[in-house]
Amino acid sequence: MYQVNIHEAKTNLSKLIKKVIEGEEVIIAKGNKPVAKLIQLDYPKPERKLGTAAGLIEIADDFESSIDDFKEYMS
């Protein structure tokens, strides 16, 4: 745990946030009395759901056709 006064917190906010990201808790004090705590927020990752696009994609009947079938379009 790391404790700083309000003035130091305002002056070094970026450095304090870096400490928090590295896993440290930062206490902000006013007159040597703790008044706030900086901690890293943990947002849960959304759960992935397989198959949500099922039925939305259609593959053409000629998908596996030879490229020779499209020569007329290539000139």
PDB file of N, CA and C in Angstrom:
ATOM      1  N   MET A   1       0.855  -1.176   0.000  1.00  0.00           N
ATOM      2  CA  MET A   1       0.000   0.000   0.000  1.00  0.00           C
ATOM      3  C   MET A   1       0.896   1.233   0.000  1.00  0.00           C
ATOM      4  N   TYR A   2       0.478   2.240  -0.729  1.00  0.00           N
ATOM      5  CA  TYR A   2       1.249   3.460  -0.918  1.00  0.00           C
ATOM      6  C   TYR A   2       0.351   4.627  -0.525  1.00  0.00           C
ATOM      7  N   GLN A   3       0.842   5.516   0.351  1.00  0.00           N
ATOM      8  CA  GLN A   3       0.014   6.644   0.801  1.00  0.00           C
ATOM      9  C   GLN A   3       0.646   7.966   0.383  1.00  0.00           C
ATOM     10  N   VAL A   4      -0.203   8.861  -0.129  1.00  0.00           N
ATOM     11  CA  VAL A   4       0.236  10.199  -0.541  1.00  0.00           C
ATOM     12  C   VAL A   4      -0.769  11.226  -0.042  1.00  0.00           C
ATOM     13  N   ASN A   5      -0.302  12.487   0.046  1.00  0.00           N
ATOM     14  CA  ASN A   5      -1.257  13.536   0.407  1.00  0.00           C
ATOM     15  C   ASN A   5      -1.947  14.042  -0.861  1.00  0.00           C
ATOM     16  N   ILE A   6      -2.961  14.847  -0.700  1.00  0.00           N
ATOM     17  CA  ILE A   6      -3.761  15.310  -1.839  1.00  0.00           C
ATOM     18  C   ILE A   6      -2.918  16.078  -2.843  1.00  0.00           C
ATOM     19  N   HIS A   7      -2.053  16.957  -2.373  1.00  0.00           N
ATOM     20  CA  HIS A   7      -1.218  17.743  -3.287  1.00  0.00           C
ATOM     21  C   HIS A   7      -0.325  16.831  -4.123  1.00  0.00           C
ATOM     22  N   GLU A   8       0.300  15.851  -3.486  1.00  0.00           N
ATOM     23  CA  GLU A   8       1.155  14.918  -4.216  1.00  0.00           C
ATOM     24  C   GLU A   8       0.328  14.092  -5.208  1.00  0.00           C
ATOM     25  N   ALA A   9      -0.881  13.728  -4.821  1.00  0.00           N
ATOM     26  CA  ALA A   9      -1.751  12.961  -5.718  1.00  0.00           C
ATOM     27  C   ALA A   9      -2.102  13.777  -6.960  1.00  0.00           C
ATOM     28  N   LYS A  10      -2.405  15.054  -6.771  1.00  0.00           N
ATOM     29  CA  LYS A  10      -2.735  15.912  -7.926  1.00  0.00           C
ATOM     30  C   LYS A  10      -1.522  16.075  -8.825  1.00  0.00           C
ATOM     31  N   THR A  11      -0.361  16.226  -8.220  1.00  0.00           N
ATOM     32  CA  THR A  11       0.862  16.458  -8.989  1.00  0.00           C
ATOM     33  C   THR A  11       1.307  15.212  -9.747  1.00  0.00           C
ATOM     34  N   ASN A  12       1.097  14.037  -9.160  1.00  0.00           N
ATOM     35  CA  ASN A  12       1.644  12.796  -9.726  1.00  0.00           C
ATOM     36  C   ASN A  12       0.562  11.775 -10.086  1.00  0.00           C
ATOM     37  N   LEU A  13      -0.571  12.241 -10.530  1.00  0.00           N
ATOM     38  CA  LEU A  13      -1.682  11.323 -10.797  1.00  0.00           C
ATOM     39  C   LEU A  13      -1.313  10.227 -11.792  1.00  0.00           C
ATOM     40  N   SER A  14      -0.632  10.572 -12.863  1.00  0.00           N
ATOM     41  CA  SER A  14      -0.260   9.563 -13.865  1.00  0.00           C
ATOM     42  C   SER A  14       0.624   8.483 -13.259  1.00  0.00           C
ATOM     43  N   LYS A  15       1.585   8.890 -12.439  1.00  0.00           N
ATOM     44  CA  LYS A  15       2.481   7.918 -11.793  1.00  0.00           C
ATOM     45  C   LYS A  15       1.711   7.039 -10.815  1.00  0.00           C
ATOM     46  N   LEU A  16       0.748   7.621 -10.108  1.00  0.00           N
ATOM     47  CA  LEU A  16      -0.044   6.848  -9.160  1.00  0.00           C
ATOM     48  C   LEU A  16      -0.920   5.835  -9.891  1.00  0.00           C
ATOM     49  N   ILE A  17      -1.494   6.238 -11.014  1.00  0.00           N
ATOM     50  CA  ILE A  17      -2.307   5.311 -11.801  1.00  0.00           C
ATOM     51  C   ILE A  17      -1.443   4.162 -12.312  1.00  0.00           C
ATOM     52  N   LYS A  18      -0.207   4.460 -12.693  1.00  0.00           N
ATOM     53  CA  LYS A  18       0.705   3.409 -13.137  1.00  0.00           C
ATOM     54  C   LYS A  18       0.945   2.407 -12.006  1.00  0.00           C
ATOM     55  N   LYS A  19       1.119   2.899 -10.780  1.00  0.00           N
ATOM     56  CA  LYS A  19       1.304   2.010  -9.627  1.00  0.00           C
ATOM     57  C   LYS A  19       0.069   1.126  -9.430  1.00  0.00           C
ATOM     58  N   VAL A  20      -1.103   1.714  -9.598  1.00  0.00           N
ATOM     59  CA  VAL A  20      -2.344   0.957  -9.444  1.00  0.00           C
ATOM     60  C   VAL A  20      -2.429  -0.137 -10.500  1.00  0.00           C
ATOM     61  N   ILE A  21      -2.086   0.192 -11.739  1.00  0.00           N
ATOM     62  CA  ILE A  21      -2.108  -0.791 -12.820  1.00  0.00           C
ATOM     63  C   ILE A  21      -1.136  -1.930 -12.525  1.00  0.00           C
ATOM     64  N   GLU A  22      -0.042  -1.602 -11.858  1.00  0.00           N
ATOM     65  CA  GLU A  22       0.954  -2.623 -11.495  1.00  0.00           C
ATOM     66  C   GLU A  22       0.516  -3.452 -10.289  1.00  0.00           C
ATOM     67  N   GLY A  23      -0.653  -3.140  -9.725  1.00  0.00           N
ATOM     68  CA  GLY A  23      -1.195  -3.961  -8.657  1.00  0.00           C
ATOM     69  C   GLY A  23      -1.149  -3.361  -7.264  1.00  0.00           C
ATOM     70  N   GLU A  24      -0.644  -2.153  -7.143  1.00  0.00           N
ATOM     71  CA  GLU A  24      -0.540  -1.530  -5.832  1.00  0.00           C
ATOM     72  C   GLU A  24      -1.788  -0.706  -5.521  1.00  0.00           C
ATOM     73  N   GLU A  25      -2.174  -0.654  -4.256  1.00  0.00           N
ATOM     74  CA  GLU A  25      -3.262   0.230  -3.838  1.00  0.00           C
ATOM     75  C   GLU A  25      -2.643   1.543  -3.391  1.00  0.00           C
ATOM     76  N   VAL A  26      -3.284   2.633  -3.739  1.00  0.00           N
ATOM     77  CA  VAL A  26      -2.783   3.956  -3.371  1.00  0.00           C
ATOM     78  C   VAL A  26      -3.824   4.637  -2.486  1.00  0.00           C
ATOM     79  N   ILE A  27      -3.398   5.050  -1.306  1.00  0.00           N
ATOM     80  CA  ILE A  27      -4.257   5.762  -0.375  1.00  0.00           C
ATOM     81  C   ILE A  27      -3.962   7.253  -0.484  1.00  0.00           C
ATOM     82  N   ILE A  28      -5.001   8.062  -0.590  1.00  0.00           N
ATOM     83  CA  ILE A  28      -4.849   9.516  -0.615  1.00  0.00           C
ATOM     84  C   ILE A  28      -5.305  10.040   0.738  1.00  0.00           C
ATOM     85  N   ALA A  29      -4.430  10.829   1.349  1.00  0.00           N
ATOM     86  CA  ALA A  29      -4.704  11.313   2.702  1.00  0.00           C
ATOM     87  C   ALA A  29      -4.807  12.831   2.724  1.00  0.00           C
ATOM     88  N   LYS A  30      -5.579  13.306   3.678  1.00  0.00           N
ATOM     89  CA  LYS A  30      -5.692  14.747   3.921  1.00  0.00           C
ATOM     90  C   LYS A  30      -5.325  14.943   5.390  1.00  0.00           C
ATOM     91  N   GLY A  31      -4.231  15.676   5.601  1.00  0.00           N
ATOM     92  CA  GLY A  31      -3.770  15.868   6.977  1.00  0.00           C
ATOM     93  C   GLY A  31      -3.409  14.552   7.640  1.00  0.00           C
ATOM     94  N   ASN A  32      -2.798  13.664   6.925  1.00  0.00           N
ATOM     95  CA  ASN A  32      -2.366  12.342   7.401  1.00  0.00           C
ATOM     96  C   ASN A  32      -3.515  11.381   7.721  1.00  0.00           C
ATOM     97  N   LYS A  33      -4.740  11.750   7.367  1.00  0.00           N
ATOM     98  CA  LYS A  33      -5.879  10.859   7.558  1.00  0.00           C
ATOM     99  C   LYS A  33      -6.328  10.345   6.183  1.00  0.00           C
ATOM    100  N   PRO A  34      -6.370   9.038   5.999  1.00  0.00           N
ATOM    101  CA  PRO A  34      -6.798   8.487   4.711  1.00  0.00           C
ATOM    102  C   PRO A  34      -8.238   8.899   4.385  1.00  0.00           C
ATOM    103  N   VAL A  35      -8.426   9.365   3.146  1.00  0.00           N
ATOM    104  CA  VAL A  35      -9.771   9.783   2.727  1.00  0.00           C
ATOM    105  C   VAL A  35     -10.236   9.081   1.447  1.00  0.00           C
ATOM    106  N   ALA A  36      -9.299   8.528   0.695  1.00  0.00           N
ATOM    107  CA  ALA A  36      -9.672   7.876  -0.568  1.00  0.00           C
ATOM    108  C   ALA A  36      -8.657   6.791  -0.898  1.00  0.00           C
ATOM    109  N   LYS A  37      -9.115   5.838  -1.725  1.00  0.00           N
ATOM    110  CA  LYS A  37      -8.230   4.756  -2.138  1.00  0.00           C
ATOM    111  C   LYS A  37      -8.354   4.581  -3.645  1.00  0.00           C
ATOM    112  N   LEU A  38      -7.212   4.523  -4.327  1.00  0.00           N
ATOM    113  CA  LEU A  38      -7.182   4.237  -5.764  1.00  0.00           C
ATOM    114  C   LEU A  38      -6.933   2.739  -5.919  1.00  0.00           C
ATOM    115  N   ILE A  39      -7.832   2.065  -6.618  1.00  0.00           N
ATOM    116  CA  ILE A  39      -7.663   0.645  -6.898  1.00  0.00           C
ATOM    117  C   ILE A  39      -7.980   0.400  -8.366  1.00  0.00           C
ATOM    118  N   GLN A  40      -7.464  -0.686  -8.886  1.00  0.00           N
ATOM    119  CA  GLN A  40      -7.734  -1.020 -10.277  1.00  0.00           C
ATOM    120  C   GLN A  40      -9.118  -1.639 -10.395  1.00  0.00           C
ATOM    121  N   LEU A  41      -9.854  -1.204 -11.395  1.00  0.00           N
ATOM    122  CA  LEU A  41     -11.178  -1.763 -11.649  1.00  0.00           C
ATOM    123  C   LEU A  41     -11.040  -3.018 -12.492  1.00  0.00           C
ATOM    124  N   ASP A  42     -11.792  -4.024 -12.141  1.00  0.00           N
ATOM    125  CA  ASP A  42     -11.812  -5.261 -12.915  1.00  0.00           C
ATOM    126  C   ASP A  42     -13.171  -5.388 -13.576  1.00  0.00           C
ATOM    127  N   TYR A  43     -13.175  -5.206 -14.893  1.00  0.00           N
ATOM    128  CA  TYR A  43     -14.404  -5.366 -15.649  1.00  0.00           C
ATOM    129  C   TYR A  43     -14.464  -6.798 -16.162  1.00  0.00           C
ATOM    130  N   PRO A  44     -15.540  -7.490 -15.898  1.00  0.00           N
ATOM    131  CA  PRO A  44     -15.628  -8.857 -16.428  1.00  0.00           C
ATOM    132  C   PRO A  44     -15.753  -8.826 -17.950  1.00  0.00           C
ATOM    133  N   LYS A  45     -15.038  -9.731 -18.594  1.00  0.00           N
ATOM    134  CA  LYS A  45     -15.145  -9.827 -20.047  1.00  0.00           C
ATOM    135  C   LYS A  45     -16.492 -10.446 -20.387  1.00  0.00           C
ATOM    136  N   PRO A  46     -17.159  -9.926 -21.422  1.00  0.00           N
ATOM    137  CA  PRO A  46     -18.445 -10.515 -21.796  1.00  0.00           C
ATOM    138  C   PRO A  46     -18.248 -11.967 -22.249  1.00  0.00           C
ATOM    139  N   GLU A  47     -19.169 -12.805 -21.873  1.00  0.00           N
ATOM    140  CA  GLU A  47     -19.079 -14.208 -22.247  1.00  0.00           C
ATOM    141  C   GLU A  47     -19.368 -14.355 -23.734  1.00  0.00           C
ATOM    142  N   ARG A  48     -18.514 -15.098 -24.417  1.00  0.00           N
ATOM    143  CA  ARG A  48     -18.708 -15.331 -25.843  1.00  0.00           C
ATOM    144  C   ARG A  48     -19.736 -16.423 -26.037  1.00  0.00           C
ATOM    145  N   LYS A  49     -20.624 -16.211 -26.990  1.00  0.00           N
ATOM    146  CA  LYS A  49     -21.663 -17.195 -27.284  1.00  0.00           C
ATOM    147  C   LYS A  49     -21.465 -17.688 -28.712  1.00  0.00           C
ATOM    148  N   LEU A  50     -21.194 -18.954 -28.832  1.00  0.00           N
ATOM    149  CA  LEU A  50     -20.983 -19.541 -30.148  1.00  0.00           C
ATOM    150  C   LEU A  50     -22.313 -19.752 -30.851  1.00  0.00           C
ATOM    151  N   GLY A  51     -22.286 -19.625 -32.159  1.00  0.00           N
ATOM    152  CA  GLY A  51     -23.464 -19.925 -32.964  1.00  0.00           C
ATOM    153  C   GLY A  51     -24.450 -18.791 -33.088  1.00  0.00           C
ATOM    154  N   THR A  52     -24.077 -17.578 -32.706  1.00  0.00           N
ATOM    155  CA  THR A  52     -25.038 -16.478 -32.772  1.00  0.00           C
ATOM    156  C   THR A  52     -25.340 -16.039 -34.206  1.00  0.00           C
ATOM    157  N   ALA A  53     -24.488 -16.434 -35.160  1.00  0.00           N
ATOM    158  CA  ALA A  53     -24.726 -16.071 -36.555  1.00  0.00           C
ATOM    159  C   ALA A  53     -25.287 -17.238 -37.361  1.00  0.00           C
ATOM    160  N   ALA A  54     -25.652 -18.298 -36.675  1.00  0.00           N
ATOM    161  CA  ALA A  54     -26.168 -19.481 -37.376  1.00  0.00           C
ATOM    162  C   ALA A  54     -27.382 -19.106 -38.217  1.00  0.00           C
ATOM    163  N   GLY A  55     -27.341 -19.516 -39.477  1.00  0.00           N
ATOM    164  CA  GLY A  55     -28.454 -19.258 -40.370  1.00  0.00           C
ATOM    165  C   GLY A  55     -28.417 -17.900 -41.047  1.00  0.00           C
ATOM    166  N   LEU A  56     -27.468 -17.051 -40.700  1.00  0.00           N
ATOM    167  CA  LEU A  56     -27.399 -15.713 -41.291  1.00  0.00           C
ATOM    168  C   LEU A  56     -26.524 -15.669 -42.542  1.00  0.00           C
ATOM    169  N   ILE A  57     -25.729 -16.698 -42.748  1.00  0.00           N
ATOM    170  CA  ILE A  57     -24.806 -16.716 -43.886  1.00  0.00           C
ATOM    171  C   ILE A  57     -25.219 -17.825 -44.831  1.00  0.00           C
ATOM    172  N   GLU A  58     -25.357 -17.469 -46.099  1.00  0.00           N
ATOM    173  CA  GLU A  58     -25.709 -18.462 -47.111  1.00  0.00           C
ATOM    174  C   GLU A  58     -24.550 -18.601 -48.084  1.00  0.00           C
ATOM    175  N   ILE A  59     -24.205 -19.828 -48.401  1.00  0.00           N
ATOM    176  CA  ILE A  59     -23.127 -20.095 -49.351  1.00  0.00           C
ATOM    177  C   ILE A  59     -23.768 -20.468 -50.681  1.00  0.00           C
ATOM    178  N   ALA A  60     -23.315 -19.798 -51.725  1.00  0.00           N
ATOM    179  CA  ALA A  60     -23.872 -20.032 -53.058  1.00  0.00           C
ATOM    180  C   ALA A  60     -23.590 -21.460 -53.514  1.00  0.00           C
ATOM    181  N   ASP A  61     -24.462 -21.983 -54.361  1.00  0.00           N
ATOM    182  CA  ASP A  61     -24.311 -23.350 -54.877  1.00  0.00           C
ATOM    183  C   ASP A  61     -23.013 -23.517 -55.654  1.00  0.00           C
ATOM    184  N   ASP A  62     -22.548 -22.451 -56.305  1.00  0.00           N
ATOM    185  CA  ASP A  62     -21.337 -22.554 -57.120  1.00  0.00           C
ATOM    186  C   ASP A  62     -20.084 -22.117 -56.349  1.00  0.00           C
ATOM    187  N   PHE A  63     -20.123 -22.159 -55.057  1.00  0.00           N
ATOM    188  CA  PHE A  63     -19.003 -21.717 -54.224  1.00  0.00           C
ATOM    189  C   PHE A  63     -17.711 -22.458 -54.555  1.00  0.00           C
ATOM    190  N   GLU A  64     -17.802 -23.742 -54.799  1.00  0.00           N
ATOM    191  CA  GLU A  64     -16.606 -24.534 -55.063  1.00  0.00           C
ATOM    192  C   GLU A  64     -16.335 -24.703 -56.560  1.00  0.00           C
ATOM    193  N   SER A  65     -16.954 -23.906 -57.395  1.00  0.00           N
ATOM    194  CA  SER A  65     -16.754 -23.993 -58.841  1.00  0.00           C
ATOM    195  C   SER A  65     -15.344 -23.578 -59.207  1.00  0.00           C
ATOM    196  N   SER A  66     -14.892 -24.102 -60.315  1.00  0.00           N
ATOM    197  CA  SER A  66     -13.566 -23.775 -60.818  1.00  0.00           C
ATOM    198  C   SER A  66     -13.514 -22.309 -61.241  1.00  0.00           C
ATOM    199  N   ILE A  67     -12.359 -21.728 -61.130  1.00  0.00           N
ATOM    200  CA  ILE A  67     -12.176 -20.325 -61.532  1.00  0.00           C
ATOM    201  C   ILE A  67     -12.402 -20.164 -63.038  1.00  0.00           C
ATOM    202  N   ASP A  68     -12.233 -21.253 -63.791  1.00  0.00           N
ATOM    203  CA  ASP A  68     -12.448 -21.197 -65.237  1.00  0.00           C
ATOM    204  C   ASP A  68     -13.888 -20.793 -65.561  1.00  0.00           C
ATOM    205  N   ASP A  69     -14.807 -21.085 -64.652  1.00  0.00           N
ATOM    206  CA  ASP A  69     -16.203 -20.724 -64.878  1.00  0.00           C
ATOM    207  C   ASP A  69     -16.414 -19.211 -64.881  1.00  0.00           C
ATOM    208  N   PHE A  70     -15.440 -18.446 -64.399  1.00  0.00           N
ATOM    209  CA  PHE A  70     -15.592 -17.001 -64.278  1.00  0.00           C
ATOM    210  C   PHE A  70     -14.690 -16.228 -65.240  1.00  0.00           C
ATOM    211  N   LYS A  71     -14.116 -16.899 -66.237  1.00  0.00           N
ATOM    212  CA  LYS A  71     -13.208 -16.234 -67.175  1.00  0.00           C
ATOM    213  C   LYS A  71     -13.878 -15.056 -67.867  1.00  0.00           C
ATOM    214  N   GLU A  72     -15.143 -15.176 -68.175  1.00  0.00           N
ATOM    215  CA  GLU A  72     -15.829 -14.097 -68.884  1.00  0.00           C
ATOM    216  C   GLU A  72     -15.920 -12.819 -68.036  1.00  0.00           C
ATOM    217  N   TYR A  73     -15.845 -12.952 -66.745  1.00  0.00           N
ATOM    218  CA  TYR A  73     -15.911 -11.783 -65.843  1.00  0.00           C
ATOM    219  C   TYR A  73     -14.529 -11.157 -65.583  1.00  0.00           C
ATOM    220  N   MET A  74     -13.454 -11.846 -65.988  1.00  0.00           N
ATOM    221  CA  MET A  74     -12.103 -11.433 -65.635  1.00  0.00           C
ATOM    222  C   MET A  74     -11.428 -10.576 -66.700  1.00  0.00           C
ATOM    223  N   SER A  75     -12.110 -10.198 -67.731  1.00  0.00           N
ATOM    224  CA  SER A  75     -11.446  -9.401 -68.760  1.00  0.00           C
ATOM    225  C   SER A  75     -11.972  -7.990 -68.806  1.00  0.00           C
TER     226      SER A  75
END
